[in-house]
Protein backbone atom coordinates (compact mmCIF):
# COMPACT_ATOMS: atom_id res chain seq x y z
CA MET A 1 6.02 4.80 25.13
CA THR A 2 9.07 6.38 23.48
CA ASP A 3 11.33 3.96 25.36
CA VAL A 4 10.16 1.31 22.86
CA ASN A 5 12.71 0.75 20.10
CA LEU A 6 11.27 0.68 16.60
CA GLY A 7 12.47 -0.66 13.27
CA PHE A 8 11.34 0.18 9.76
CA VAL A 9 12.08 -1.76 6.57
CA GLY A 10 11.10 -0.21 3.24
CA LEU A 11 11.66 3.53 2.79
CA GLY A 12 9.87 4.17 -0.47
CA VAL A 13 7.12 6.64 -1.31
CA MET A 14 5.08 5.59 1.74
CA GLY A 15 7.65 4.15 4.12
CA ARG A 16 10.02 7.07 4.33
CA PRO A 17 7.49 9.64 5.61
CA MET A 18 5.97 7.03 7.94
CA ALA A 19 9.33 6.23 9.51
CA GLY A 20 9.99 9.95 9.74
CA HIS A 21 6.80 10.56 11.72
CA LEU A 22 7.72 7.86 14.22
CA ALA A 23 11.16 9.38 14.71
CA ALA A 24 9.71 12.88 15.02
CA ALA A 25 7.43 11.57 17.78
CA GLY A 26 10.53 10.74 19.81
CA TYR A 27 11.09 7.05 19.04
CA ARG A 28 14.46 5.56 18.24
CA VAL A 29 13.98 4.07 14.77
CA THR A 30 16.41 1.67 13.13
CA VAL A 31 15.86 1.57 9.37
CA TYR A 32 16.86 -0.49 6.36
CA ASP A 33 16.25 -0.14 2.63
CA LEU A 34 17.94 -1.66 -0.40
CA ASN A 35 18.38 1.94 -1.55
CA ARG A 36 20.76 3.09 1.15
CA SER A 37 20.53 6.70 0.03
CA ALA A 38 16.88 6.72 1.14
CA ALA A 39 17.96 5.67 4.62
CA GLU A 40 20.78 8.20 4.65
CA GLY A 41 18.44 10.99 3.61
CA LEU A 42 16.02 10.18 6.42
CA ALA A 43 18.82 9.88 8.99
CA ALA A 44 20.09 13.32 7.94
CA GLU A 45 16.65 14.76 8.68
CA GLN A 46 15.91 12.85 11.89
CA PRO A 47 18.55 12.41 14.62
CA GLN A 48 16.47 9.57 16.12
CA VAL A 49 17.09 7.42 13.02
CA ARG A 50 19.87 4.82 12.88
CA ILE A 51 20.76 2.94 9.69
CA ALA A 52 21.18 -0.85 9.92
CA ASP A 53 23.32 -2.94 7.61
CA SER A 54 20.74 -5.74 7.37
CA VAL A 55 17.14 -6.54 8.23
CA ARG A 56 18.41 -8.95 10.87
CA ASP A 57 20.15 -6.00 12.55
CA VAL A 58 16.90 -4.02 12.41
CA ALA A 59 15.08 -6.73 14.37
CA ALA A 60 17.95 -7.15 16.85
CA ALA A 61 17.72 -3.45 17.70
CA SER A 62 13.93 -3.26 17.84
CA ASP A 63 10.93 -4.26 19.94
CA ILE A 64 8.50 -3.54 17.10
CA VAL A 65 9.39 -3.55 13.38
CA PHE A 66 7.31 -2.01 10.58
CA THR A 67 7.49 -3.16 6.97
CA MET A 68 6.24 -1.25 3.92
CA LEU A 69 7.08 -3.34 0.86
CA PRO A 70 5.63 -3.99 -2.63
CA SER A 71 3.96 -7.35 -1.89
CA GLY A 72 3.69 -10.29 0.46
CA LYS A 73 6.53 -12.08 -1.31
CA GLU A 74 9.00 -9.40 -0.26
CA VAL A 75 7.53 -9.34 3.25
CA ARG A 76 7.96 -13.11 3.55
CA THR A 77 11.61 -12.92 2.47
CA ILE A 78 12.35 -10.01 4.79
CA ALA A 79 10.56 -11.64 7.72
CA LEU A 80 11.75 -15.23 7.33
CA GLY A 81 14.99 -14.79 5.39
CA SER A 82 16.08 -15.93 1.97
CA GLU A 83 16.77 -19.48 0.89
CA SER A 84 20.33 -18.55 0.01
CA GLY A 85 20.84 -17.17 3.49
CA GLY A 86 19.33 -20.20 5.17
CA GLY A 87 16.84 -17.94 6.95
CA ASN A 88 19.59 -16.31 8.98
CA ASP A 89 19.27 -13.03 7.06
CA GLY A 90 15.62 -12.34 7.99
CA LEU A 91 13.92 -10.44 10.79
CA ILE A 92 13.15 -13.75 12.49
CA ALA A 93 16.87 -14.31 13.10
CA GLY A 94 17.23 -10.98 14.90
CA PHE A 95 13.96 -10.69 16.84
CA ARG A 96 13.90 -11.48 20.52
CA PRO A 97 10.90 -13.40 21.90
CA GLY A 98 8.10 -10.90 22.44
CA GLY A 99 8.89 -8.94 19.29
CA LEU A 100 6.16 -7.65 17.01
CA LEU A 101 6.06 -7.24 13.23
CA VAL A 102 3.59 -4.68 11.86
CA ASP A 103 3.24 -5.11 8.11
CA THR A 104 1.73 -2.06 6.45
CA SER A 105 2.28 -3.36 2.89
CA SER A 106 -0.49 -4.40 0.53
CA ALA A 107 0.05 -8.15 0.69
CA GLU A 108 -1.56 -11.51 -0.03
CA PRO A 109 -3.47 -12.60 3.11
CA TRP A 110 -2.57 -16.27 2.58
CA LEU A 111 1.13 -15.35 2.68
CA THR A 112 0.52 -13.17 5.72
CA THR A 113 -1.06 -15.99 7.73
CA ASP A 114 1.83 -18.30 6.83
CA VAL A 115 4.45 -15.75 7.88
CA ALA A 116 2.56 -15.05 11.12
CA GLN A 117 2.44 -18.75 12.02
CA ARG A 118 6.17 -19.16 11.49
CA LEU A 119 6.96 -16.03 13.47
CA ARG A 120 4.68 -17.18 16.28
CA ALA A 121 6.66 -20.39 16.57
CA ALA A 122 9.69 -18.19 17.29
CA GLY A 123 7.83 -16.17 19.92
CA VAL A 124 7.18 -13.18 17.64
CA ALA A 125 3.72 -11.70 17.00
CA MET A 126 2.46 -10.12 13.78
CA VAL A 127 -0.19 -7.59 12.82
CA ASP A 128 -1.17 -6.73 9.25
CA ALA A 129 -2.06 -3.06 8.91
CA PRO A 130 -2.19 -1.96 5.25
CA VAL A 131 -3.12 1.61 4.53
CA SER A 132 -5.28 3.83 2.39
CA GLY A 133 -4.38 7.44 1.76
CA ALA A 134 -1.56 7.25 -0.77
CA GLU A 135 1.57 9.39 -0.63
CA ALA A 136 -0.30 12.50 0.53
CA GLY A 137 -1.79 10.60 3.46
CA ALA A 138 1.61 9.22 4.46
CA ARG A 139 3.21 12.66 4.39
CA ALA A 140 0.36 14.29 6.33
CA ALA A 141 0.07 11.37 8.81
CA GLU A 142 -3.58 10.95 7.78
CA LEU A 143 -3.54 7.32 6.68
CA VAL A 144 -6.42 4.93 7.29
CA PHE A 145 -5.29 1.55 8.65
CA MET A 146 -7.08 -1.75 8.02
CA ILE A 147 -5.89 -4.14 10.71
CA GLY A 148 -5.76 -7.88 11.22
CA GLY A 149 -4.36 -9.59 14.28
CA ALA A 150 -4.97 -10.72 17.85
CA ASP A 151 -6.46 -8.11 20.18
CA GLU A 152 -3.37 -7.88 22.39
CA ASP A 153 -1.03 -7.47 19.43
CA VAL A 154 -3.22 -4.80 17.83
CA ALA A 155 -3.29 -2.96 21.17
CA ARG A 156 0.53 -2.81 21.17
CA ALA A 157 0.58 -1.36 17.67
CA ALA A 158 -2.34 1.05 18.11
CA PRO A 159 -0.47 4.03 19.69
CA LEU A 160 2.06 3.94 16.86
CA LEU A 161 -0.63 3.74 14.18
CA ASP A 162 -2.29 6.75 15.81
CA ILE A 163 0.88 8.73 15.07
CA LEU A 164 0.76 7.74 11.41
CA GLY A 165 -2.92 7.97 10.61
CA ARG A 166 -6.33 9.42 11.34
CA ARG A 167 -8.37 6.21 11.66
CA SER A 168 -7.76 2.54 12.34
CA PHE A 169 -10.18 -0.35 11.85
CA HIS A 170 -9.59 -3.78 13.40
CA LEU A 171 -11.26 -6.17 10.97
CA GLY A 172 -10.45 -9.55 12.48
CA PRO A 173 -7.61 -12.08 12.84
CA ILE A 174 -4.29 -11.95 11.00
CA GLY A 175 -4.76 -11.49 7.25
CA SER A 176 -8.02 -9.56 7.60
CA GLY A 177 -6.40 -6.20 6.99
CA HIS A 178 -4.76 -7.38 3.79
CA ALA A 179 -8.02 -8.88 2.55
CA MET A 180 -9.80 -5.57 3.19
CA LYS A 181 -7.08 -3.56 1.45
CA SER A 182 -7.29 -5.68 -1.69
CA ILE A 183 -11.09 -5.38 -1.76
CA ASN A 184 -10.81 -1.61 -1.30
CA ASN A 185 -8.41 -1.37 -4.23
CA LEU A 186 -10.56 -3.65 -6.37
CA ILE A 187 -13.51 -1.29 -5.87
CA THR A 188 -11.23 1.67 -6.65
CA ALA A 189 -10.05 -0.06 -9.84
CA VAL A 190 -13.62 -0.60 -11.05
CA THR A 191 -14.44 3.03 -10.30
CA PHE A 192 -11.25 4.24 -11.99
CA MET A 193 -12.06 2.43 -15.22
CA ALA A 194 -15.74 3.45 -15.21
CA THR A 195 -14.81 7.10 -14.63
CA GLY A 196 -12.31 7.05 -17.48
CA GLU A 197 -14.77 5.46 -19.89
CA GLY A 198 -17.50 7.91 -18.91
CA LEU A 199 -15.26 10.92 -19.45
CA VAL A 200 -14.12 9.62 -22.83
CA ALA A 201 -17.75 9.11 -23.88
CA GLY A 202 -18.68 12.60 -22.70
CA LYS A 203 -15.73 14.22 -24.47
CA ARG A 204 -16.62 12.50 -27.75
CA TYR A 205 -20.24 13.68 -27.35
CA GLY A 206 -19.07 17.26 -26.87
CA LEU A 207 -18.96 17.72 -23.10
CA ASP A 208 -16.08 19.38 -21.28
CA PRO A 209 -14.34 16.77 -19.02
CA ALA A 210 -13.36 19.53 -16.59
CA VAL A 211 -17.01 20.45 -16.09
CA MET A 212 -18.01 16.79 -16.09
CA THR A 213 -15.60 16.20 -13.20
CA GLU A 214 -17.14 19.08 -11.27
CA VAL A 215 -20.58 17.56 -11.85
CA LEU A 216 -19.41 14.13 -10.67
CA ASN A 217 -17.94 15.63 -7.51
CA LEU A 218 -21.34 17.10 -6.60
CA SER A 219 -23.38 14.11 -7.75
CA THR A 220 -23.79 10.40 -7.13
CA GLY A 221 -20.87 9.58 -9.45
CA MET A 222 -18.46 11.20 -6.99
CA SER A 223 -15.49 9.06 -5.88
CA TRP A 224 -11.94 9.32 -4.59
CA ILE A 225 -10.86 9.10 -8.24
CA SER A 226 -13.06 12.01 -9.35
CA GLN A 227 -12.03 14.11 -6.36
CA THR A 228 -8.28 13.55 -6.23
CA HIS A 229 -7.12 12.15 -9.56
CA ILE A 230 -8.89 13.39 -12.69
CA ALA A 231 -8.20 17.13 -12.49
CA GLN A 232 -4.86 16.65 -10.76
CA ARG A 233 -3.36 13.89 -12.95
CA ILE A 234 -5.42 13.56 -16.15
CA LEU A 235 -6.80 16.95 -17.15
CA SER A 236 -3.37 18.36 -16.30
CA ARG A 237 -1.85 15.65 -18.57
CA ARG A 238 0.71 14.84 -15.88
CA PHE A 239 -0.20 11.14 -15.49
CA ASP A 240 2.11 11.17 -12.48
CA ASP A 241 0.48 9.30 -9.60
CA PRO A 242 3.41 7.56 -7.82
CA PHE A 243 1.34 4.41 -7.27
CA LYS A 244 2.23 1.89 -9.97
CA LEU A 245 -0.33 0.34 -12.29
CA GLU A 246 1.22 -3.10 -11.74
CA LEU A 247 0.65 -2.78 -7.99
CA MET A 248 -3.01 -1.97 -8.51
CA LEU A 249 -3.27 -5.06 -10.69
CA LYS A 250 -1.59 -7.07 -7.93
CA ASP A 251 -4.29 -5.96 -5.48
CA ILE A 252 -7.04 -6.80 -7.99
CA GLU A 253 -5.53 -10.28 -8.34
CA ILE A 254 -5.47 -10.69 -4.56
CA ALA A 255 -9.09 -9.63 -4.12
CA THR A 256 -10.39 -11.87 -6.91
CA ARG A 257 -8.48 -14.84 -5.49
CA VAL A 258 -9.94 -14.15 -2.04
CA ALA A 259 -13.40 -14.21 -3.63
CA GLU A 260 -12.66 -17.38 -5.60
CA ASP A 261 -11.32 -19.13 -2.51
CA GLU A 262 -14.59 -18.27 -0.75
CA GLY A 263 -16.73 -19.47 -3.66
CA ILE A 264 -18.00 -15.99 -4.55
CA ASP A 265 -18.94 -15.25 -8.18
CA MET A 266 -17.80 -11.75 -9.21
CA PRO A 267 -18.26 -11.31 -12.98
CA LEU A 268 -17.71 -7.54 -12.94
CA SER A 269 -14.53 -7.89 -10.91
CA ASN A 270 -13.24 -10.68 -13.13
CA GLU A 271 -13.80 -8.54 -16.22
CA THR A 272 -12.04 -5.66 -14.45
CA ARG A 273 -9.08 -7.96 -13.79
CA ARG A 274 -8.94 -8.92 -17.47
CA LEU A 275 -9.00 -5.29 -18.61
CA TRP A 276 -6.35 -4.21 -16.09
CA ARG A 277 -4.15 -7.10 -17.21
CA GLU A 278 -4.44 -5.83 -20.78
CA ALA A 279 -3.63 -2.29 -19.67
CA ASN A 280 -0.62 -3.44 -17.66
CA ALA A 281 0.70 -5.40 -20.64
CA SER A 282 0.46 -2.32 -22.87
CA VAL A 283 2.55 0.06 -20.73
CA PRO A 284 6.23 -0.03 -19.69
CA PRO A 285 7.06 -1.71 -16.35
CA GLY A 286 6.79 0.69 -13.42
CA SER A 287 4.23 2.94 -15.13
CA SER A 288 1.96 5.11 -13.01
CA VAL A 289 -1.54 3.91 -12.30
CA SER A 290 -2.62 7.09 -14.13
CA GLU A 291 -1.62 5.41 -17.39
CA LEU A 292 -4.79 3.29 -17.13
CA ILE A 293 -6.70 6.34 -18.40
CA ARG A 294 -4.28 6.80 -21.30
CA THR A 295 -4.99 3.24 -22.47
CA ILE A 296 -8.72 4.06 -22.55
CA GLU A 297 -8.01 7.27 -24.47
CA THR A 298 -5.81 5.43 -26.98
CA ALA A 299 -8.40 2.71 -27.59
CA ASN A 300 -11.02 5.35 -28.43
CA ASP A 301 -8.81 8.04 -30.02
CA VAL A 302 -10.12 10.58 -27.52
CA GLU A 303 -8.10 12.60 -24.99
CA ILE A 304 -9.62 13.70 -21.70
CA THR A 305 -8.53 17.32 -21.96
CA PRO A 306 -10.32 20.46 -20.78
CA GLY A 307 -12.75 21.94 -23.25
CA ARG A 308 -15.56 20.67 -25.46
């Protein structure tokens, strides 16, 4: 399948290693990022990578284009073009009929379905395939994909997703993957806050948070947060997870809107949204998601540090 030409737009923390894996697998990959140095760095590492001057050029050179962007708003602009450009500066202007867009961003499903409909009118298919696994999963090609789209379109994307990840789940029609990703991150956000509050309470009582984390990881309180975040980012006092707090809040907002649109009452989730909004307002823009724990520490004048 390496005779298929690929494109990749968005070479950030996740996108750059993902594009690199596709190139390393033997595909010709045309890339674009607003930060041209990111594209140049990847091209220097991978001879299969070509740098485009615009997203339209990416689509013109590609059969299948991947996007990995901050939200559905950016995906919509990249896919359909900007108002100032009259739509002629988007992927849609460069795609040939039969093209496929695979959006791996965490995006709003209602925007995704709108973009997919407009692409379909131009003869271009779309699959939403957001990921779980964070930066480490992207670098190790061990991402988990949550997929929405028509069966035939998902089948075209599947061999490429197999290069990038360890599991893929087809959840339903277009938008389903993005809905699942937001729900996954909502659950993670609830767990993140509960874990932080529990560790603060234990520290104040006289327990050692390092030992508490070990207990959680062997007990029913175990989670991805307790296994991969507390010792690594909090007890170490690094607070350096590359995922931004504002992006987690964005996913919480998406999930709660999905629930509201479906008439589902979620009081715990709504309270979580309120608390994450407060946390986001109290930290500088672009802060790490790890800073959520620091806001809990500050509110209680307790630091989650090793020792009783």
